[in-house]
Amino acid sequence: MPTSEAHQQSITWNGRDEYNDQLARGVYVYRLSVRSQHNGSTASKYEKLVILN
C-alpha cells in the first residue's frame, strides 16, 4: 500500500460575504469539505462561527 505525505494549506477569509459586505453579528454554521488528491475521497465537517463585533 503506497503512503502519502500529509498536505496542509491555510485558508484566508476577510470576513465579508459574496457582495463584499461585512458579516453581521451572529452565529453561522459552515461546512468544510476536502478531497484527497490521491484517490478522490472526500471528508466534510460542520462547524460554528461566532461573530461578536
N, C-alpha and C. Protein backbone atom coordinates (compact mmCIF):
# COMPACT_ATOMS: atom_id res chain seq x y z
N MET A 1 0.84 -1.17 0.00
CA MET A 1 0.00 0.00 0.00
C MET A 1 0.89 1.24 0.00
N PRO A 2 0.72 2.13 -0.97
CA PRO A 2 1.56 3.34 -1.02
C PRO A 2 1.20 4.31 0.09
N THR A 3 2.20 4.99 0.56
CA THR A 3 1.96 6.01 1.58
C THR A 3 2.02 7.38 0.93
N SER A 4 1.39 8.33 1.55
CA SER A 4 1.43 9.70 1.03
C SER A 4 1.72 10.65 2.18
N GLU A 5 2.29 11.77 1.84
CA GLU A 5 2.58 12.78 2.85
C GLU A 5 1.33 13.62 3.12
N ALA A 6 1.21 14.10 4.33
CA ALA A 6 0.10 14.99 4.66
C ALA A 6 0.30 16.32 3.95
N HIS A 7 -0.79 16.90 3.54
CA HIS A 7 -0.76 18.19 2.86
C HIS A 7 -1.56 19.17 3.70
N GLN A 8 -0.96 20.29 4.03
CA GLN A 8 -1.62 21.30 4.85
C GLN A 8 -1.59 22.62 4.12
N GLN A 9 -2.73 23.29 4.09
CA GLN A 9 -2.80 24.58 3.42
C GLN A 9 -3.68 25.51 4.23
N SER A 10 -3.27 26.74 4.38
CA SER A 10 -4.06 27.74 5.11
C SER A 10 -5.17 28.29 4.22
N ILE A 11 -6.27 28.66 4.86
CA ILE A 11 -7.37 29.30 4.17
C ILE A 11 -7.52 30.69 4.76
N THR A 12 -7.54 31.69 3.92
CA THR A 12 -7.67 33.08 4.38
C THR A 12 -9.03 33.61 3.94
N TRP A 13 -9.71 34.32 4.85
CA TRP A 13 -11.01 34.91 4.55
C TRP A 13 -11.05 36.28 5.20
N ASN A 14 -11.56 37.28 4.50
CA ASN A 14 -11.58 38.65 5.01
C ASN A 14 -12.83 38.98 5.83
N GLY A 15 -13.70 38.01 6.10
CA GLY A 15 -14.89 38.25 6.91
C GLY A 15 -16.03 38.91 6.17
N ARG A 16 -15.96 38.90 4.85
CA ARG A 16 -17.00 39.54 4.04
C ARG A 16 -17.77 38.49 3.23
N ASP A 17 -19.00 38.86 2.86
CA ASP A 17 -19.82 37.94 2.07
C ASP A 17 -19.56 38.11 0.58
N GLU A 18 -20.38 37.45 -0.25
CA GLU A 18 -20.16 37.49 -1.70
C GLU A 18 -20.41 38.87 -2.30
N TYR A 19 -21.06 39.78 -1.54
CA TYR A 19 -21.29 41.15 -2.00
C TYR A 19 -20.28 42.13 -1.41
N ASN A 20 -19.25 41.59 -0.75
CA ASN A 20 -18.18 42.34 -0.11
C ASN A 20 -18.66 43.14 1.11
N ASP A 21 -19.80 42.71 1.69
CA ASP A 21 -20.30 43.33 2.91
C ASP A 21 -19.78 42.56 4.12
N GLN A 22 -19.48 43.30 5.20
CA GLN A 22 -19.06 42.67 6.45
C GLN A 22 -20.21 41.84 7.00
N LEU A 23 -19.93 40.63 7.48
CA LEU A 23 -20.98 39.80 8.05
C LEU A 23 -21.52 40.43 9.33
N ALA A 24 -22.81 40.27 9.54
CA ALA A 24 -23.46 40.81 10.74
C ALA A 24 -23.11 39.95 11.94
N ARG A 25 -23.26 40.51 13.12
CA ARG A 25 -23.07 39.79 14.37
C ARG A 25 -24.01 38.60 14.41
N GLY A 26 -23.52 37.47 14.87
CA GLY A 26 -24.37 36.29 14.98
C GLY A 26 -23.59 35.00 14.94
N VAL A 27 -24.32 33.90 14.86
CA VAL A 27 -23.74 32.57 14.80
C VAL A 27 -23.99 32.02 13.41
N TYR A 28 -22.96 31.55 12.76
CA TYR A 28 -23.04 30.99 11.41
C TYR A 28 -22.57 29.55 11.45
N VAL A 29 -23.24 28.70 10.71
CA VAL A 29 -22.83 27.30 10.56
C VAL A 29 -22.21 27.17 9.18
N TYR A 30 -21.03 26.55 9.12
CA TYR A 30 -20.37 26.36 7.84
C TYR A 30 -19.90 24.92 7.70
N ARG A 31 -19.68 24.52 6.46
CA ARG A 31 -19.18 23.18 6.18
C ARG A 31 -17.86 23.30 5.42
N LEU A 32 -16.88 22.56 5.86
CA LEU A 32 -15.58 22.49 5.19
C LEU A 32 -15.46 21.11 4.59
N SER A 33 -15.20 21.04 3.29
CA SER A 33 -15.03 19.77 2.60
C SER A 33 -13.63 19.71 1.99
N VAL A 34 -13.00 18.58 2.10
CA VAL A 34 -11.68 18.37 1.50
C VAL A 34 -11.73 17.11 0.64
N ARG A 35 -10.90 17.10 -0.40
CA ARG A 35 -10.84 15.96 -1.31
C ARG A 35 -9.41 15.49 -1.43
N SER A 36 -9.22 14.19 -1.37
CA SER A 36 -7.90 13.61 -1.50
C SER A 36 -7.42 13.70 -2.94
N GLN A 37 -6.20 14.17 -3.15
CA GLN A 37 -5.62 14.17 -4.49
C GLN A 37 -5.19 12.77 -4.89
N HIS A 38 -5.04 11.91 -3.91
CA HIS A 38 -4.57 10.55 -4.16
C HIS A 38 -5.66 9.67 -4.76
N ASN A 39 -6.83 9.62 -4.10
CA ASN A 39 -7.86 8.70 -4.58
C ASN A 39 -9.22 9.37 -4.77
N GLY A 40 -9.32 10.67 -4.59
CA GLY A 40 -10.56 11.38 -4.82
C GLY A 40 -11.58 11.28 -3.70
N SER A 41 -11.25 10.60 -2.59
CA SER A 41 -12.19 10.50 -1.48
C SER A 41 -12.38 11.87 -0.83
N THR A 42 -13.53 12.08 -0.21
CA THR A 42 -13.82 13.37 0.41
C THR A 42 -14.18 13.19 1.88
N ALA A 43 -14.00 14.27 2.63
CA ALA A 43 -14.41 14.32 4.03
C ALA A 43 -14.98 15.72 4.27
N SER A 44 -16.02 15.80 5.08
CA SER A 44 -16.66 17.08 5.40
C SER A 44 -16.84 17.21 6.89
N LYS A 45 -16.85 18.45 7.35
CA LYS A 45 -17.09 18.71 8.77
C LYS A 45 -17.87 20.01 8.89
N TYR A 46 -18.88 20.01 9.76
CA TYR A 46 -19.65 21.20 10.06
C TYR A 46 -19.10 21.84 11.33
N GLU A 47 -19.03 23.17 11.33
CA GLU A 47 -18.56 23.92 12.49
C GLU A 47 -19.40 25.18 12.64
N LYS A 48 -19.25 25.86 13.76
CA LYS A 48 -19.93 27.13 14.02
C LYS A 48 -18.91 28.26 14.07
N LEU A 49 -19.30 29.39 13.54
CA LEU A 49 -18.51 30.61 13.60
C LEU A 49 -19.34 31.65 14.34
N VAL A 50 -18.77 32.25 15.38
CA VAL A 50 -19.47 33.28 16.16
C VAL A 50 -18.79 34.62 15.89
N ILE A 51 -19.58 35.59 15.42
CA ILE A 51 -19.06 36.94 15.18
C ILE A 51 -19.71 37.86 16.22
N LEU A 52 -18.86 38.52 17.00
CA LEU A 52 -19.35 39.33 18.12
C LEU A 52 -19.34 40.83 17.84
N ASN A 53 -18.54 41.31 16.90
CA ASN A 53 -18.48 42.76 16.71
C ASN A 53 -19.16 43.20 15.47
